[in-house]
Amino acid sequence: MPYIPLDENLPGITGLLNYRQDTALPIRQLTQILLRGESTLTEGERELIATVVSNGNQCRFCTNAHTAAADVLLGETETAEKVKNDPDNAPVTEKMKHLLEIARQTQVSGKNVIADLVAKAKQAGATDLELHDTVLIAALFSLYNRYVDGLASVTPTEPAFYNRLAGILKTNGYLPSANRYAALNAD
């Protein structure tokens, strides 16, 4: 049960963003820029960063939501599961493996991102902008994970909910819109 009154039809971060819309707008804008804006990393790769960080923080809502979003954007379900549970054998590029490790270390502490990790990522082809955005996405999702869990937001257990949410995120991104979540709780 959430610690504050939230719309029961908007679980996870969706209810929190609805609760305080003035703070929601900059959150949504930054997320849109990082996960859907111009980048040499694909939208699916950026969702994988959100997935591994959320998984590392044990935030079930965000892990499920961004795993589903990565699956939809990548068009398959193996990669997100592998980056969470068997990253060495995940079907991603060497560059992405290094960026995901940097994301994992950022999730623990920014001080865990050491020069050796950065050098390996650069040797594998990571650009300065990709390094920047990986660390920022990881830090941002650590905040989101703590936001969702810190206020005990509702976490659905049905995979169909996350599949619907992933479809919304793929189609509409992260910016607010009228009736954004109208289909979220459809049966």
N, C-alpha and C. Protein backbone atom coordinates (compact mmCIF):
# COMPACT_ATOMS: atom_id res chain seq x y z
N MET A 1 0.84 -1.18 0.00
CA MET A 1 0.00 0.00 0.00
C MET A 1 0.89 1.25 0.00
N PRO A 2 0.66 2.16 -0.94
CA PRO A 2 1.47 3.37 -1.01
C PRO A 2 1.39 4.19 0.28
N TYR A 3 2.47 4.90 0.56
CA TYR A 3 2.55 5.73 1.76
C TYR A 3 1.80 7.05 1.63
N ILE A 4 1.47 7.44 0.39
CA ILE A 4 0.70 8.65 0.13
C ILE A 4 -0.46 8.28 -0.77
N PRO A 5 -1.52 9.08 -0.83
CA PRO A 5 -2.66 8.73 -1.70
C PRO A 5 -2.30 8.88 -3.17
N LEU A 6 -2.37 7.77 -3.90
CA LEU A 6 -2.07 7.74 -5.33
C LEU A 6 -3.25 7.14 -6.08
N ASP A 7 -3.39 7.51 -7.34
CA ASP A 7 -4.43 6.94 -8.20
C ASP A 7 -4.14 5.45 -8.34
N GLU A 8 -5.04 4.62 -7.86
CA GLU A 8 -4.83 3.17 -7.89
C GLU A 8 -4.75 2.60 -9.30
N ASN A 9 -5.22 3.35 -10.29
CA ASN A 9 -5.13 2.91 -11.68
C ASN A 9 -3.81 3.27 -12.34
N LEU A 10 -2.93 3.95 -11.59
CA LEU A 10 -1.63 4.36 -12.12
C LEU A 10 -0.53 3.87 -11.19
N PRO A 11 -0.13 2.62 -11.34
CA PRO A 11 0.90 2.07 -10.45
C PRO A 11 2.30 2.57 -10.79
N GLY A 12 3.23 2.22 -9.91
CA GLY A 12 4.63 2.56 -10.12
C GLY A 12 4.85 4.04 -10.22
N ILE A 13 5.78 4.42 -11.06
CA ILE A 13 6.12 5.83 -11.21
C ILE A 13 4.99 6.62 -11.86
N THR A 14 4.11 5.94 -12.59
CA THR A 14 3.03 6.66 -13.27
C THR A 14 2.13 7.38 -12.26
N GLY A 15 1.82 6.72 -11.17
CA GLY A 15 1.01 7.35 -10.12
C GLY A 15 1.73 8.49 -9.44
N LEU A 16 3.04 8.32 -9.22
CA LEU A 16 3.83 9.37 -8.58
C LEU A 16 3.93 10.60 -9.48
N LEU A 17 4.11 10.39 -10.77
CA LEU A 17 4.18 11.51 -11.69
C LEU A 17 2.84 12.23 -11.78
N ASN A 18 1.77 11.48 -11.70
CA ASN A 18 0.44 12.07 -11.71
C ASN A 18 0.18 12.85 -10.41
N TYR A 19 0.71 12.38 -9.31
CA TYR A 19 0.51 13.00 -7.99
C TYR A 19 1.08 14.42 -7.95
N ARG A 20 2.25 14.60 -8.51
CA ARG A 20 2.90 15.92 -8.47
C ARG A 20 3.37 16.26 -9.88
N GLN A 21 2.46 16.82 -10.66
CA GLN A 21 2.73 17.05 -12.08
C GLN A 21 3.75 18.14 -12.35
N ASP A 22 3.93 19.06 -11.40
CA ASP A 22 4.94 20.10 -11.62
C ASP A 22 6.35 19.52 -11.59
N THR A 23 6.58 18.52 -10.76
CA THR A 23 7.89 17.87 -10.76
C THR A 23 7.96 16.79 -11.84
N ALA A 24 6.81 16.30 -12.25
CA ALA A 24 6.77 15.25 -13.27
C ALA A 24 7.27 15.75 -14.62
N LEU A 25 6.93 16.98 -14.97
CA LEU A 25 7.29 17.48 -16.30
C LEU A 25 8.80 17.47 -16.54
N PRO A 26 9.63 18.03 -15.66
CA PRO A 26 11.08 17.95 -15.94
C PRO A 26 11.62 16.52 -15.91
N ILE A 27 11.03 15.68 -15.06
CA ILE A 27 11.43 14.27 -15.02
C ILE A 27 11.15 13.63 -16.38
N ARG A 28 9.94 13.85 -16.88
CA ARG A 28 9.55 13.27 -18.18
C ARG A 28 10.41 13.83 -19.31
N GLN A 29 10.70 15.13 -19.27
CA GLN A 29 11.49 15.74 -20.34
C GLN A 29 12.90 15.16 -20.37
N LEU A 30 13.52 15.04 -19.21
CA LEU A 30 14.88 14.49 -19.17
C LEU A 30 14.89 13.03 -19.62
N THR A 31 13.90 12.28 -19.18
CA THR A 31 13.81 10.87 -19.60
C THR A 31 13.62 10.77 -21.11
N GLN A 32 12.78 11.62 -21.67
CA GLN A 32 12.56 11.62 -23.12
C GLN A 32 13.86 11.91 -23.87
N ILE A 33 14.59 12.90 -23.42
CA ILE A 33 15.86 13.24 -24.07
C ILE A 33 16.83 12.05 -24.02
N LEU A 34 16.96 11.46 -22.83
CA LEU A 34 17.95 10.39 -22.66
C LEU A 34 17.55 9.07 -23.31
N LEU A 35 16.27 8.71 -23.24
CA LEU A 35 15.87 7.39 -23.75
C LEU A 35 15.28 7.42 -25.15
N ARG A 36 14.81 8.58 -25.60
CA ARG A 36 14.21 8.64 -26.93
C ARG A 36 14.82 9.70 -27.83
N GLY A 37 15.66 10.55 -27.28
CA GLY A 37 16.27 11.61 -28.07
C GLY A 37 17.36 11.09 -28.98
N GLU A 38 17.98 12.01 -29.69
CA GLU A 38 19.04 11.66 -30.63
C GLU A 38 20.22 11.03 -29.88
N SER A 39 20.70 9.92 -30.40
CA SER A 39 21.80 9.19 -29.77
C SER A 39 22.36 8.17 -30.74
N THR A 40 23.63 7.84 -30.54
CA THR A 40 24.21 6.75 -31.31
C THR A 40 23.88 5.40 -30.67
N LEU A 41 23.34 5.42 -29.45
CA LEU A 41 22.80 4.20 -28.84
C LEU A 41 21.35 4.08 -29.27
N THR A 42 20.92 2.87 -29.58
CA THR A 42 19.53 2.69 -29.97
C THR A 42 18.61 2.89 -28.76
N GLU A 43 17.34 3.10 -29.02
CA GLU A 43 16.37 3.21 -27.94
C GLU A 43 16.36 1.92 -27.11
N GLY A 44 16.47 0.79 -27.78
CA GLY A 44 16.52 -0.49 -27.07
C GLY A 44 17.73 -0.61 -26.16
N GLU A 45 18.88 -0.16 -26.64
CA GLU A 45 20.09 -0.20 -25.81
C GLU A 45 19.94 0.70 -24.59
N ARG A 46 19.34 1.85 -24.78
CA ARG A 46 19.15 2.76 -23.64
C ARG A 46 18.15 2.18 -22.63
N GLU A 47 17.15 1.48 -23.12
CA GLU A 47 16.22 0.79 -22.22
C GLU A 47 16.93 -0.34 -21.47
N LEU A 48 17.91 -0.97 -22.10
CA LEU A 48 18.69 -2.00 -21.40
C LEU A 48 19.46 -1.40 -20.23
N ILE A 49 19.98 -0.19 -20.40
CA ILE A 49 20.67 0.48 -19.30
C ILE A 49 19.70 0.69 -18.14
N ALA A 50 18.51 1.19 -18.44
CA ALA A 50 17.49 1.38 -17.40
C ALA A 50 17.13 0.05 -16.75
N THR A 51 17.09 -1.00 -17.53
CA THR A 51 16.74 -2.32 -17.02
C THR A 51 17.78 -2.84 -16.04
N VAL A 52 19.06 -2.79 -16.42
CA VAL A 52 20.09 -3.36 -15.53
C VAL A 52 20.22 -2.56 -14.24
N VAL A 53 20.06 -1.25 -14.33
CA VAL A 53 20.13 -0.42 -13.12
C VAL A 53 18.95 -0.73 -12.20
N SER A 54 17.75 -0.76 -12.76
CA SER A 54 16.56 -1.05 -11.96
C SER A 54 16.63 -2.44 -11.35
N ASN A 55 17.14 -3.39 -12.12
CA ASN A 55 17.31 -4.75 -11.61
C ASN A 55 18.31 -4.76 -10.46
N GLY A 56 19.42 -4.05 -10.61
CA GLY A 56 20.42 -3.97 -9.55
C GLY A 56 19.89 -3.32 -8.29
N ASN A 57 18.97 -2.38 -8.46
CA ASN A 57 18.35 -1.72 -7.30
C ASN A 57 17.15 -2.49 -6.77
N GLN A 58 16.84 -3.62 -7.38
CA GLN A 58 15.74 -4.48 -6.97
C GLN A 58 14.39 -3.76 -6.99
N CYS A 59 14.23 -2.83 -7.92
CA CYS A 59 12.96 -2.13 -8.09
C CYS A 59 12.14 -2.94 -9.09
N ARG A 60 11.19 -3.70 -8.57
CA ARG A 60 10.42 -4.60 -9.43
C ARG A 60 9.62 -3.85 -10.50
N PHE A 61 8.98 -2.75 -10.12
CA PHE A 61 8.18 -2.03 -11.10
C PHE A 61 9.06 -1.57 -12.27
N CYS A 62 10.14 -0.85 -11.97
CA CYS A 62 10.99 -0.31 -13.03
C CYS A 62 11.70 -1.42 -13.82
N THR A 63 12.12 -2.48 -13.13
CA THR A 63 12.75 -3.59 -13.85
C THR A 63 11.77 -4.19 -14.84
N ASN A 64 10.56 -4.48 -14.40
CA ASN A 64 9.55 -5.07 -15.29
C ASN A 64 9.17 -4.13 -16.42
N ALA A 65 8.99 -2.84 -16.10
CA ALA A 65 8.58 -1.87 -17.12
C ALA A 65 9.65 -1.71 -18.20
N HIS A 66 10.91 -1.59 -17.79
CA HIS A 66 11.95 -1.33 -18.78
C HIS A 66 12.45 -2.59 -19.47
N THR A 67 12.29 -3.74 -18.82
CA THR A 67 12.53 -5.00 -19.52
C THR A 67 11.52 -5.13 -20.66
N ALA A 68 10.25 -4.88 -20.36
CA ALA A 68 9.21 -4.97 -21.39
C ALA A 68 9.45 -3.96 -22.50
N ALA A 69 9.85 -2.73 -22.14
CA ALA A 69 10.13 -1.71 -23.16
C ALA A 69 11.31 -2.14 -24.04
N ALA A 70 12.37 -2.66 -23.41
CA ALA A 70 13.52 -3.13 -24.19
C ALA A 70 13.10 -4.26 -25.12
N ASP A 71 12.31 -5.19 -24.61
CA ASP A 71 11.84 -6.31 -25.43
C ASP A 71 11.07 -5.82 -26.66
N VAL A 72 10.17 -4.86 -26.45
CA VAL A 72 9.37 -4.34 -27.56
C VAL A 72 10.27 -3.63 -28.57
N LEU A 73 11.19 -2.83 -28.08
CA LEU A 73 12.07 -2.08 -29.00
C LEU A 73 13.07 -2.97 -29.72
N LEU A 74 13.53 -4.02 -29.04
CA LEU A 74 14.48 -4.94 -29.67
C LEU A 74 13.79 -6.01 -30.51
N GLY A 75 12.50 -6.20 -30.29
CA GLY A 75 11.74 -7.19 -31.05
C GLY A 75 11.98 -8.62 -30.61
N GLU A 76 12.48 -8.81 -29.39
CA GLU A 76 12.73 -10.15 -28.85
C GLU A 76 12.86 -10.05 -27.33
N THR A 77 12.90 -11.21 -26.67
CA THR A 77 12.90 -11.20 -25.20
C THR A 77 14.18 -11.75 -24.57
N GLU A 78 15.09 -12.23 -25.35
CA GLU A 78 16.30 -12.85 -24.80
C GLU A 78 17.30 -11.83 -24.25
N THR A 79 17.50 -10.74 -24.97
CA THR A 79 18.58 -9.81 -24.63
C THR A 79 18.41 -9.20 -23.25
N ALA A 80 17.23 -8.68 -22.94
CA ALA A 80 17.03 -8.04 -21.63
C ALA A 80 17.23 -9.03 -20.49
N GLU A 81 16.76 -10.25 -20.67
CA GLU A 81 16.95 -11.27 -19.62
C GLU A 81 18.43 -11.58 -19.44
N LYS A 82 19.15 -11.68 -20.55
CA LYS A 82 20.58 -12.00 -20.47
C LYS A 82 21.38 -10.86 -19.84
N VAL A 83 21.08 -9.60 -20.19
CA VAL A 83 21.87 -8.52 -19.60
C VAL A 83 21.63 -8.43 -18.09
N LYS A 84 20.47 -8.88 -17.63
CA LYS A 84 20.19 -8.88 -16.19
C LYS A 84 20.84 -10.06 -15.49
N ASN A 85 20.81 -11.24 -16.12
CA ASN A 85 21.16 -12.48 -15.42
C ASN A 85 22.44 -13.15 -15.88
N ASP A 86 22.89 -12.86 -17.08
CA ASP A 86 24.09 -13.48 -17.62
C ASP A 86 24.77 -12.51 -18.58
N PRO A 87 25.22 -11.35 -18.04
CA PRO A 87 25.69 -10.28 -18.92
C PRO A 87 26.87 -10.66 -19.81
N ASP A 88 27.72 -11.56 -19.36
CA ASP A 88 28.87 -11.94 -20.19
C ASP A 88 28.44 -12.63 -21.47
N ASN A 89 27.30 -13.31 -21.44
CA ASN A 89 26.82 -14.03 -22.62
C ASN A 89 25.63 -13.35 -23.29
N ALA A 90 25.36 -12.11 -22.92
CA ALA A 90 24.25 -11.38 -23.52
C ALA A 90 24.56 -11.08 -24.99
N PRO A 91 23.54 -11.15 -25.84
CA PRO A 91 23.75 -10.89 -27.27
C PRO A 91 23.79 -9.39 -27.58
N VAL A 92 24.78 -8.71 -27.01
CA VAL A 92 25.01 -7.28 -27.27
C VAL A 92 26.47 -7.10 -27.67
N THR A 93 26.77 -5.96 -28.24
CA THR A 93 28.15 -5.68 -28.67
C THR A 93 29.07 -5.58 -27.46
N GLU A 94 30.36 -5.71 -27.72
CA GLU A 94 31.35 -5.54 -26.65
C GLU A 94 31.24 -4.14 -26.06
N LYS A 95 31.04 -3.14 -26.92
CA LYS A 95 30.86 -1.78 -26.43
C LYS A 95 29.71 -1.72 -25.44
N MET A 96 28.59 -2.34 -25.81
CA MET A 96 27.41 -2.29 -24.94
C MET A 96 27.65 -3.05 -23.64
N LYS A 97 28.38 -4.14 -23.70
CA LYS A 97 28.71 -4.87 -22.46
C LYS A 97 29.48 -3.96 -21.50
N HIS A 98 30.42 -3.20 -22.04
CA HIS A 98 31.20 -2.29 -21.20
C HIS A 98 30.33 -1.15 -20.66
N LEU A 99 29.47 -0.61 -21.50
CA LEU A 99 28.57 0.45 -21.04
C LEU A 99 27.61 -0.06 -19.98
N LEU A 100 27.12 -1.26 -20.14
CA LEU A 100 26.22 -1.84 -19.12
C LEU A 100 26.96 -2.07 -17.81
N GLU A 101 28.23 -2.42 -17.88
CA GLU A 101 29.02 -2.58 -16.65
C GLU A 101 29.21 -1.21 -15.98
N ILE A 102 29.44 -0.19 -16.77
CA ILE A 102 29.54 1.16 -16.20
C ILE A 102 28.21 1.55 -15.56
N ALA A 103 27.12 1.21 -16.20
CA ALA A 103 25.79 1.50 -15.61
C ALA A 103 25.62 0.77 -14.29
N ARG A 104 26.02 -0.51 -14.24
CA ARG A 104 25.91 -1.29 -12.99
C ARG A 104 26.74 -0.66 -11.88
N GLN A 105 27.94 -0.23 -12.24
CA GLN A 105 28.80 0.37 -11.22
C GLN A 105 28.26 1.72 -10.76
N THR A 106 27.70 2.49 -11.68
CA THR A 106 27.07 3.76 -11.32
C THR A 106 25.92 3.51 -10.37
N GLN A 107 25.15 2.45 -10.61
CA GLN A 107 24.01 2.11 -9.77
C GLN A 107 24.46 1.87 -8.33
N VAL A 108 25.63 1.29 -8.14
CA VAL A 108 26.16 1.04 -6.80
C VAL A 108 26.69 2.34 -6.21
N SER A 109 27.56 3.02 -6.96
CA SER A 109 28.15 4.29 -6.54
C SER A 109 28.88 4.89 -7.73
N GLY A 110 28.71 6.17 -7.93
CA GLY A 110 29.44 6.83 -9.02
C GLY A 110 30.94 6.64 -8.90
N LYS A 111 31.43 6.49 -7.67
CA LYS A 111 32.87 6.31 -7.46
C LYS A 111 33.35 4.94 -7.93
N ASN A 112 32.43 4.04 -8.21
CA ASN A 112 32.81 2.72 -8.74
C ASN A 112 33.13 2.77 -10.22
N VAL A 113 32.80 3.87 -10.88
CA VAL A 113 33.16 4.03 -12.29
C VAL A 113 34.60 4.54 -12.30
N ILE A 114 35.49 3.61 -12.53
CA ILE A 114 36.93 3.93 -12.48
C ILE A 114 37.49 4.05 -13.89
N ALA A 115 38.66 4.64 -13.97
CA ALA A 115 39.30 4.91 -15.26
C ALA A 115 39.44 3.66 -16.13
N ASP A 116 39.74 2.53 -15.51
CA ASP A 116 39.90 1.28 -16.26
C ASP A 116 38.61 0.89 -16.98
N LEU A 117 37.47 1.04 -16.32
CA LEU A 117 36.18 0.73 -16.96
C LEU A 117 35.93 1.64 -18.16
N VAL A 118 36.22 2.91 -17.97
CA VAL A 118 36.03 3.89 -19.04
C VAL A 118 36.97 3.59 -20.20
N ALA A 119 38.22 3.28 -19.91
CA ALA A 119 39.20 2.99 -20.96
C ALA A 119 38.77 1.77 -21.77
N LYS A 120 38.28 0.73 -21.10
CA LYS A 120 37.82 -0.48 -21.81
C LYS A 120 36.62 -0.16 -22.70
N ALA A 121 35.71 0.66 -22.20
CA ALA A 121 34.54 1.04 -23.01
C ALA A 121 34.98 1.83 -24.24
N LYS A 122 35.92 2.76 -24.05
CA LYS A 122 36.42 3.54 -25.17
C LYS A 122 37.16 2.66 -26.18
N GLN A 123 37.94 1.70 -25.69
CA GLN A 123 38.63 0.77 -26.59
C GLN A 123 37.64 -0.05 -27.41
N ALA A 124 36.46 -0.29 -26.84
CA ALA A 124 35.43 -1.05 -27.53
C ALA A 124 34.58 -0.15 -28.43
N GLY A 125 34.90 1.15 -28.47
CA GLY A 125 34.23 2.05 -29.39
C GLY A 125 33.26 3.04 -28.77
N ALA A 126 33.14 3.06 -27.45
CA ALA A 126 32.21 4.00 -26.80
C ALA A 126 32.72 5.43 -26.95
N THR A 127 31.80 6.32 -27.27
CA THR A 127 32.14 7.73 -27.39
C THR A 127 31.97 8.43 -26.04
N ASP A 128 32.51 9.62 -25.95
CA ASP A 128 32.35 10.40 -24.73
C ASP A 128 30.87 10.64 -24.43
N LEU A 129 30.09 10.94 -25.45
CA LEU A 129 28.66 11.18 -25.25
C LEU A 129 27.94 9.92 -24.77
N GLU A 130 28.32 8.78 -25.32
CA GLU A 130 27.71 7.52 -24.86
C GLU A 130 28.07 7.24 -23.41
N LEU A 131 29.30 7.53 -23.04
CA LEU A 131 29.71 7.36 -21.63
C LEU A 131 28.91 8.30 -20.74
N HIS A 132 28.82 9.55 -21.14
CA HIS A 132 28.05 10.54 -20.39
C HIS A 132 26.62 10.07 -20.19
N ASP A 133 25.97 9.70 -21.30
CA ASP A 133 24.56 9.35 -21.23
C ASP A 133 24.34 8.06 -20.45
N THR A 134 25.26 7.12 -20.54
CA THR A 134 25.14 5.88 -19.75
C THR A 134 25.14 6.19 -18.26
N VAL A 135 26.09 7.01 -17.84
CA VAL A 135 26.17 7.35 -16.41
C VAL A 135 24.93 8.16 -15.99
N LEU A 136 24.50 9.08 -16.83
CA LEU A 136 23.33 9.88 -16.47
C LEU A 136 22.06 9.03 -16.43
N ILE A 137 21.88 8.14 -17.38
CA ILE A 137 20.71 7.24 -17.35
C ILE A 137 20.77 6.38 -16.09
N ALA A 138 21.93 5.84 -15.78
CA ALA A 138 22.06 4.99 -14.59
C ALA A 138 21.76 5.78 -13.31
N ALA A 139 22.27 6.99 -13.22
CA ALA A 139 22.01 7.81 -12.03
C ALA A 139 20.54 8.19 -11.96
N LEU A 140 19.95 8.53 -13.09
CA LEU A 140 18.55 8.91 -13.14
C LEU A 140 17.64 7.75 -12.73
N PHE A 141 17.95 6.56 -13.23
CA PHE A 141 17.11 5.42 -12.88
C PHE A 141 17.32 4.98 -11.44
N SER A 142 18.48 5.22 -10.88
CA SER A 142 18.65 4.97 -9.45
C SER A 142 17.72 5.89 -8.66
N LEU A 143 17.60 7.14 -9.08
CA LEU A 143 16.65 8.06 -8.46
C LEU A 143 15.22 7.54 -8.62
N TYR A 144 14.84 7.18 -9.83
CA TYR A 144 13.48 6.69 -10.07
C TYR A 144 13.18 5.46 -9.22
N ASN A 145 14.13 4.54 -9.16
CA ASN A 145 13.93 3.32 -8.37
C ASN A 145 13.67 3.65 -6.91
N ARG A 146 14.42 4.59 -6.38
CA ARG A 146 14.25 4.99 -4.98
C ARG A 146 12.94 5.75 -4.79
N TYR A 147 12.53 6.51 -5.78
CA TYR A 147 11.27 7.25 -5.76
C TYR A 147 10.09 6.26 -5.69
N VAL A 148 10.09 5.29 -6.58
CA VAL A 148 9.02 4.28 -6.64
C VAL A 148 8.97 3.45 -5.36
N ASP A 149 10.12 2.93 -4.94
CA ASP A 149 10.14 2.06 -3.76
C ASP A 149 10.05 2.85 -2.46
N GLY A 150 10.57 4.06 -2.44
CA GLY A 150 10.55 4.87 -1.23
C GLY A 150 9.16 5.32 -0.83
N LEU A 151 8.23 5.37 -1.79
CA LEU A 151 6.84 5.72 -1.47
C LEU A 151 5.92 4.51 -1.61
N ALA A 152 6.52 3.32 -1.70
CA ALA A 152 5.78 2.05 -1.75
C ALA A 152 4.69 2.07 -2.83
N SER A 153 5.06 2.55 -3.99
CA SER A 153 4.12 2.61 -5.10
C SER A 153 3.65 1.19 -5.46
N VAL A 154 2.46 1.10 -5.98
CA VAL A 154 1.87 -0.19 -6.36
C VAL A 154 2.68 -0.82 -7.48
N THR A 155 2.94 -2.11 -7.37
CA THR A 155 3.69 -2.84 -8.39
C THR A 155 2.84 -4.00 -8.90
N PRO A 156 2.28 -3.87 -10.10
CA PRO A 156 1.50 -4.97 -10.66
C PRO A 156 2.35 -6.22 -10.85
N THR A 157 1.71 -7.36 -10.80
CA THR A 157 2.42 -8.63 -11.01
C THR A 157 2.12 -9.23 -12.39
N GLU A 158 1.11 -8.73 -13.07
CA GLU A 158 0.71 -9.31 -14.35
C GLU A 158 1.60 -8.81 -15.49
N PRO A 159 2.24 -9.73 -16.22
CA PRO A 159 3.07 -9.32 -17.36
C PRO A 159 2.30 -8.49 -18.39
N ALA A 160 1.01 -8.73 -18.54
CA ALA A 160 0.22 -8.00 -19.53
C ALA A 160 0.22 -6.50 -19.24
N PHE A 161 0.23 -6.12 -17.97
CA PHE A 161 0.29 -4.70 -17.62
C PHE A 161 1.57 -4.07 -18.20
N TYR A 162 2.70 -4.72 -17.99
CA TYR A 162 3.99 -4.18 -18.45
C TYR A 162 4.08 -4.19 -19.97
N ASN A 163 3.45 -5.16 -20.61
CA ASN A 163 3.43 -5.19 -22.07
C ASN A 163 2.64 -4.00 -22.61
N ARG A 164 1.51 -3.67 -21.95
CA ARG A 164 0.73 -2.50 -22.37
C ARG A 164 1.54 -1.22 -22.15
N LEU A 165 2.20 -1.13 -20.99
CA LEU A 165 3.02 0.04 -20.69
C LEU A 165 4.15 0.18 -21.71
N ALA A 166 4.79 -0.93 -22.06
CA ALA A 166 5.88 -0.90 -23.05
C ALA A 166 5.38 -0.38 -24.39
N GLY A 167 4.20 -0.78 -24.78
CA GLY A 167 3.61 -0.28 -26.03
C GLY A 167 3.40 1.23 -25.99
N ILE A 168 2.94 1.73 -24.84
CA ILE A 168 2.75 3.17 -24.67
C ILE A 168 4.09 3.89 -24.76
N LEU A 169 5.11 3.34 -24.08
CA LEU A 169 6.43 3.98 -24.09
C LEU A 169 7.05 3.95 -25.48
N LYS A 170 6.84 2.88 -26.22
CA LYS A 170 7.38 2.80 -27.58
C LYS A 170 6.69 3.81 -28.48
N THR A 171 5.39 3.88 -28.40
CA THR A 171 4.61 4.75 -29.28
C THR A 171 4.67 6.21 -28.90
N ASN A 172 4.55 6.50 -27.59
CA ASN A 172 4.41 7.88 -27.13
C ASN A 172 5.64 8.43 -26.43
N GLY A 173 6.61 7.59 -26.13
CA GLY A 173 7.78 8.06 -25.38
C GLY A 173 7.40 8.39 -23.95
N TYR A 174 8.10 9.36 -23.39
CA TYR A 174 7.96 9.67 -21.97
C TYR A 174 7.29 11.01 -21.68
N LEU A 175 6.97 11.76 -22.70
CA LEU A 175 6.36 13.07 -22.48
C LEU A 175 4.87 12.95 -22.16
N PRO A 176 4.33 13.92 -21.41
CA PRO A 176 2.91 13.84 -21.05
C PRO A 176 2.03 14.09 -22.28
N SER A 177 0.85 13.49 -22.24
CA SER A 177 -0.15 13.72 -23.29
C SER A 177 -1.52 13.41 -22.69
N ALA A 178 -2.55 13.91 -23.33
CA ALA A 178 -3.91 13.66 -22.87
C ALA A 178 -4.21 12.16 -22.95
N ASN A 179 -4.84 11.66 -21.95
CA ASN A 179 -5.23 10.24 -21.90
C ASN A 179 -4.06 9.30 -22.13
N ARG A 180 -2.88 9.70 -21.68
CA ARG A 180 -1.65 8.94 -21.88
C ARG A 180 -1.80 7.48 -21.45
N TYR A 181 -2.43 7.26 -20.34
CA TYR A 181 -2.51 5.91 -19.78
C TYR A 181 -3.90 5.31 -19.88
N ALA A 182 -4.72 5.79 -20.80
CA ALA A 182 -6.09 5.29 -20.91
C ALA A 182 -6.13 3.77 -21.11
N ALA A 183 -5.21 3.22 -21.85
CA ALA A 183 -5.21 1.78 -22.14
C ALA A 183 -4.38 0.96 -21.16
N LEU A 184 -3.80 1.62 -20.17
CA LEU A 184 -2.86 0.94 -19.28
C LEU A 184 -3.51 -0.19 -18.49
N ASN A 185 -4.69 0.03 -17.98
CA ASN A 185 -5.34 -0.98 -17.14
C ASN A 185 -6.44 -1.74 -17.84
N ALA A 186 -6.41 -1.73 -19.17
CA ALA A 186 -7.40 -2.47 -19.94
C ALA A 186 -7.25 -3.97 -19.72
N ASP A 187 -8.32 -4.65 -19.81
CA ASP A 187 -8.26 -6.12 -19.63
C ASP A 187 -8.03 -6.82 -20.93
